[in-house]
Every structure is written in structure tokens, then in C-alpha cells.
Amino acid sequence: MNAGRGLPGYYRDRYVSWYSWFSRIYDPFVSLGLFLLNGGFGGERRLRELVIDRLDPSPGDKVIDICSGTGTLSLMMAERLSDSGEVAGVEISNYQLGIARRKPAPANLTFTRADAQHIPFDDAYFDRAVIFGALHEIPREVRRNILAQAYRVLKPGGRIVDLEHNRPARTWRAWFYQFLEWPTPEYSTYIDLLDNGLENEIAEAGFEVKKVEAVTAEFFQVVMAEKPR
């Protein structure tokens, strides 16, 4: 697949080039950040496990990890399913995907390089879908396309869980987190997602939002939704 197909210049040029560098430090960066924000050692794993708990996959389920990055969450979900079912990670960045594919993986896990606006699976193929901290990095047009694809590939009654940045209620925290994002190329899309509302965008894609919760000192939000039957 052509990695640039259907992508605005921002997404194609800035996102892909950003991860050509950032992938080198992505895993330790995330681990350090969640060590600081989520209670010390094991903070990253606890947050990922919380997301998997909300997803609640059952043995034999087919699960898609959209914008799967370096594959850590995909691996954890495959382990949770105990070699049953199927976990598919979809990622556009060759650099992220290269790291994911070098990690030891169970037989029920595969990674595919694809633009998440054109997920290469059939309609209603998956029982569960997850997006972990990716939508704030990309423009609204692309977010809408990705959520539309998530809706398409989920079965009726299927569940989607999305973890994203949040705007804390406390002003000093909101300013502090905004300051942390300011130097990155994703700053403008991060602000746009907060202003437009993750819950709103998921609902606009056709999902029924079931639960929204702030986690990790309100830095993140977890939205759980379902595709109507």
C-alpha cells in the first residue's frame, strides 16, 4: 500500500518524518512518562492493562489495534487471549512497525503496514477495536476517516476503546500538559482534538458512547463505545 495515499500533506510529511526519529526513543520515552505520571514502576503496564480491561476481549475474539505503534499493547492483548482468537496491529510508520516486529510475538498476533484510513480487513471482521494515544497526532479529517474505518471493520455490538490526552479540570494541570505538548509537531492537532472532543468525534462516527473516564491525574481519558446492533 502507498503510505501516502489519501493523506493530507501534514500527516504524510510531518507525522511520518517525526516517527522516523521518534521511534528510536519511543518505548523508553513512554515508559519514563508513565513512570512519572502513573505511580512509578509499572505505570505504563498498569495504564495499558486498564485499557485492555475496558476492552474486555474474550477467548476467540478478533481484536484490532489501530495505529499500533511499536506493538506493546498488541502483544499484551495477544497474551491476554492466551493464543486464542486473533490480534491485528495496523501501523503506517515503517520505523514503528520495525520495532514491533522485532519483539517476540505469539502466533495469534500479526502486524500490517497500512494507512488506518484504509484498513485492509473486511467489513464487520473484528469483535473489538482499540486506539491507544494516536488520534491527537493527526488532523481532524484523518481522525474522522480512521474512526469511520474502525466502525466499518467492527461487528455490530462490537466495542471500541480509545485512550487519548485529556484537558484536566485544574487549570495549572491543563497549562502544564499543554506546555509539554507545545514543542512537538502534533501540538495543533492535539489542541483541535481537545477542543472538538474525543467523545463527540467517536459519536459522530456512529458509535454509542458507553463510558468516559479521566485517568492518570486527568492527563488521559478513556472512551468506551459500541457499534449499534
Protein backbone atom coordinates (compact mmCIF):
# COMPACT_ATOMS: atom_id res chain seq x y z
CA MET A 1 0.00 0.00 0.00
CA ASN A 2 1.15 3.50 -0.74
CA ALA A 3 1.78 5.07 2.69
CA GLY A 4 0.88 8.48 1.32
CA ARG A 5 -2.44 7.50 -0.28
CA GLY A 6 -5.27 9.64 1.00
CA LEU A 7 -3.12 11.52 3.46
CA PRO A 8 -3.02 15.30 3.82
CA GLY A 9 0.47 16.76 3.46
CA TYR A 10 0.67 17.40 7.19
CA TYR A 11 0.08 13.77 8.06
CA ARG A 12 2.25 12.39 5.28
CA ASP A 13 5.20 14.74 5.68
CA ARG A 14 5.23 15.64 9.38
CA TYR A 15 3.86 12.53 11.07
CA VAL A 16 5.88 10.01 9.10
CA SER A 17 9.11 12.04 9.29
CA TRP A 18 8.57 12.72 13.01
CA TYR A 19 8.36 9.00 13.73
CA SER A 20 11.44 8.24 11.64
CA TRP A 21 13.30 9.88 14.51
CA PHE A 22 10.97 9.50 17.48
CA SER A 23 10.65 5.72 17.04
CA ARG A 24 14.22 5.34 18.25
CA ILE A 25 13.30 6.54 21.72
CA TYR A 26 9.56 5.88 21.74
CA ASP A 27 9.43 2.89 24.10
CA PRO A 28 11.73 4.34 26.80
CA PHE A 29 10.05 7.75 26.42
CA VAL A 30 6.60 6.28 27.07
CA SER A 31 7.89 4.19 29.96
CA LEU A 32 9.52 7.21 31.58
CA GLY A 33 6.49 9.43 31.04
CA LEU A 34 4.12 6.93 32.63
CA PHE A 35 6.59 6.23 35.42
CA LEU A 36 6.25 9.91 36.30
CA LEU A 37 2.52 10.26 35.66
CA ASN A 38 1.14 6.90 36.73
CA GLY A 39 2.64 5.91 40.03
CA GLY A 40 6.23 4.90 39.39
CA PHE A 41 7.46 1.48 38.28
CA GLY A 42 4.90 -0.40 36.23
CA GLY A 43 2.99 2.76 35.38
CA GLU A 44 2.95 2.04 31.65
CA ARG A 45 1.80 -1.53 32.09
CA ARG A 46 -0.94 -0.51 34.51
CA LEU A 47 -2.35 2.01 32.04
CA ARG A 48 -2.26 -0.45 29.17
CA GLU A 49 -3.90 -3.12 31.32
CA LEU A 50 -6.63 -0.64 32.26
CA VAL A 51 -7.35 -0.11 28.55
CA ILE A 52 -7.42 -3.87 27.90
CA ASP A 53 -9.75 -4.33 30.88
CA ARG A 54 -12.14 -1.77 29.37
CA LEU A 55 -11.89 -3.53 26.02
CA ASP A 56 -12.66 -6.84 27.78
CA PRO A 57 -11.72 -9.26 24.98
CA SER A 58 -12.98 -12.83 25.31
CA PRO A 59 -11.16 -16.01 24.22
CA GLY A 60 -11.56 -16.42 20.48
CA ASP A 61 -12.22 -12.71 19.80
CA LYS A 62 -10.70 -10.90 16.86
CA VAL A 63 -9.13 -7.63 18.03
CA ILE A 64 -7.62 -4.79 16.01
CA ASP A 65 -5.08 -2.35 17.40
CA ILE A 66 -5.37 0.70 15.13
CA CYS A 67 -2.19 2.82 14.86
CA SER A 68 -0.41 0.12 16.85
CA GLY A 69 2.96 1.87 17.06
CA THR A 70 5.73 -0.30 18.48
CA GLY A 71 3.25 -3.06 19.29
CA THR A 72 3.37 -3.17 23.09
CA LEU A 73 -0.41 -3.07 23.54
CA SER A 74 -0.94 -5.58 20.73
CA LEU A 75 1.43 -8.00 22.45
CA MET A 76 -0.34 -7.59 25.78
CA MET A 77 -3.73 -8.23 24.18
CA ALA A 78 -2.43 -11.34 22.42
CA GLU A 79 -1.11 -12.58 25.78
CA ARG A 80 -4.49 -11.84 27.40
CA LEU A 81 -6.20 -14.02 24.77
CA SER A 82 -3.80 -16.89 25.56
CA ASP A 83 -3.05 -17.82 21.94
CA SER A 84 -6.75 -17.94 21.05
CA GLY A 85 -8.52 -15.55 18.74
CA GLU A 86 -6.63 -13.03 16.65
CA VAL A 87 -4.91 -9.70 17.29
CA ALA A 88 -4.04 -7.47 14.32
CA GLY A 89 -1.85 -4.41 14.68
CA VAL A 90 -2.16 -1.81 11.90
CA GLU A 91 0.53 0.88 11.63
CA ILE A 92 1.68 3.25 8.88
CA SER A 93 5.18 4.02 10.17
CA ASN A 94 7.81 1.59 8.91
CA TYR A 95 10.01 2.63 11.83
CA GLN A 96 7.38 1.86 14.46
CA LEU A 97 6.43 -1.34 12.69
CA GLY A 98 10.05 -2.48 12.51
CA ILE A 99 10.37 -2.24 16.28
CA ALA A 100 7.06 -4.06 16.80
CA ARG A 101 8.08 -6.94 14.54
CA ARG A 102 11.37 -7.43 16.40
CA LYS A 103 9.54 -8.18 19.65
CA PRO A 104 8.80 -11.85 20.42
CA ALA A 105 5.17 -12.41 19.50
CA PRO A 106 2.65 -15.25 19.94
CA ALA A 107 1.16 -16.94 16.90
CA ASN A 108 -2.18 -15.13 17.22
CA LEU A 109 -0.61 -11.70 16.58
CA THR A 110 0.17 -10.12 13.21
CA PHE A 111 1.28 -6.64 12.21
CA THR A 112 0.30 -5.00 8.93
CA ARG A 113 1.67 -1.81 7.40
CA ALA A 114 -1.31 0.23 6.31
CA ASP A 115 -2.85 3.67 6.41
CA ALA A 116 -5.57 3.40 9.08
CA GLN A 117 -7.86 5.33 6.72
CA HIS A 118 -7.85 2.21 4.53
CA ILE A 119 -7.78 -0.74 6.93
CA PRO A 120 -7.19 -3.89 4.84
CA PHE A 121 -9.80 -6.11 6.52
CA ASP A 122 -13.36 -7.00 5.61
CA ASP A 123 -16.46 -5.29 6.98
CA ALA A 124 -17.55 -6.49 10.44
CA TYR A 125 -14.43 -8.65 10.82
CA PHE A 126 -13.44 -7.71 14.39
CA ASP A 127 -15.11 -8.09 17.78
CA ARG A 128 -13.01 -5.39 19.46
CA ALA A 129 -11.00 -2.33 18.37
CA VAL A 130 -8.59 -0.13 20.29
CA ILE A 131 -6.76 3.12 19.56
CA PHE A 132 -4.12 3.99 22.12
CA GLY A 133 -2.91 7.59 22.15
CA ALA A 134 -2.81 8.14 18.38
CA LEU A 135 -5.69 10.39 17.35
CA HIS A 136 -4.24 13.56 18.91
CA GLU A 137 -1.33 13.28 16.48
CA ILE A 138 -3.37 13.66 13.31
CA PRO A 139 -5.73 16.16 11.66
CA ARG A 140 -9.50 16.06 12.17
CA GLU A 141 -10.17 14.91 8.60
CA VAL A 142 -7.91 11.91 9.12
CA ARG A 143 -9.35 11.18 12.56
CA ARG A 144 -12.84 11.04 11.04
CA ASN A 145 -11.66 8.66 8.33
CA ILE A 146 -9.93 6.41 10.86
CA LEU A 147 -12.97 6.26 13.14
CA ALA A 148 -15.17 5.51 10.11
CA GLN A 149 -12.87 2.61 9.27
CA ALA A 150 -12.99 1.37 12.86
CA TYR A 151 -16.78 1.42 12.61
CA ARG A 152 -16.70 -0.46 9.31
CA VAL A 153 -14.45 -3.32 10.47
CA LEU A 154 -16.26 -3.85 13.80
CA LYS A 155 -19.12 -6.29 14.09
CA PRO A 156 -22.50 -4.93 15.23
CA GLY A 157 -22.33 -4.87 19.02
CA GLY A 158 -18.53 -4.68 18.85
CA ARG A 159 -16.66 -2.47 21.29
CA ILE A 160 -14.07 0.24 20.69
CA VAL A 161 -11.87 1.74 23.41
CA ASP A 162 -9.82 4.86 22.79
CA LEU A 163 -7.26 6.30 25.17
CA GLU A 164 -6.32 9.89 24.45
CA HIS A 165 -4.99 13.06 26.01
CA ASN A 166 -7.42 14.92 28.20
CA ARG A 167 -7.86 18.51 29.33
CA PRO A 168 -7.61 18.41 33.14
CA ALA A 169 -10.18 20.31 35.17
CA ARG A 170 -7.47 22.00 37.22
CA THR A 171 -6.10 24.99 35.30
CA TRP A 172 -2.48 24.51 36.34
CA ARG A 173 -2.51 20.91 35.16
CA ALA A 174 -4.10 21.87 31.84
CA TRP A 175 -1.41 24.50 31.25
CA PHE A 176 1.35 22.12 32.34
CA TYR A 177 0.28 19.35 29.94
CA GLN A 178 -0.21 21.88 27.16
CA PHE A 179 3.35 23.08 27.77
CA LEU A 180 4.65 19.51 27.43
CA GLU A 181 2.97 19.13 24.03
CA TRP A 182 3.92 22.55 22.69
CA PRO A 183 7.38 21.60 21.24
CA THR A 184 6.02 18.64 19.27
CA PRO A 185 4.73 18.65 15.65
CA GLU A 186 1.41 17.29 16.90
CA TYR A 187 0.57 20.35 19.02
CA SER A 188 -2.05 21.84 16.68
CA THR A 189 -3.91 18.55 16.22
CA TYR A 190 -3.68 17.85 19.96
CA ILE A 191 -5.43 21.17 20.70
CA ASP A 192 -8.00 20.57 17.96
CA LEU A 193 -8.96 17.18 19.38
CA LEU A 194 -9.34 18.62 22.87
CA ASP A 195 -11.47 21.48 21.54
CA ASN A 196 -13.66 19.25 19.37
CA GLY A 197 -13.94 16.49 21.95
CA LEU A 198 -12.91 12.85 21.57
CA GLU A 199 -16.29 11.66 22.81
CA ASN A 200 -18.01 13.83 20.19
CA GLU A 201 -15.87 12.53 17.33
CA ILE A 202 -16.47 8.91 18.32
CA ALA A 203 -20.23 9.54 18.49
CA GLU A 204 -20.16 11.31 15.10
CA ALA A 205 -18.65 8.14 13.62
CA GLY A 206 -21.83 6.28 14.59
CA PHE A 207 -20.75 4.65 17.85
CA GLU A 208 -22.80 4.69 21.04
CA VAL A 209 -20.60 6.08 23.80
CA LYS A 210 -20.97 3.98 26.95
CA LYS A 211 -18.41 5.40 29.34
CA VAL A 212 -15.89 8.24 29.57
CA GLU A 213 -13.34 8.39 32.37
CA ALA A 214 -10.33 10.52 33.20
CA VAL A 215 -7.25 8.58 34.32
CA THR A 216 -3.61 9.21 35.22
CA ALA A 217 -4.06 12.51 37.07
CA GLU A 218 -6.55 13.55 34.36
CA PHE A 219 -3.81 13.59 31.72
CA PHE A 220 -5.62 10.86 29.75
CA GLN A 221 -9.22 9.99 29.04
CA VAL A 222 -10.61 6.58 28.15
CA VAL A 223 -13.72 6.44 25.98
CA MET A 224 -15.57 3.13 25.67
CA ALA A 225 -18.17 2.86 22.90
CA GLU A 226 -20.04 0.24 20.90
CA LYS A 227 -21.26 -0.20 17.36
CA PRO A 228 -25.07 -0.45 17.42
CA ARG A 229 -26.50 -3.89 16.74
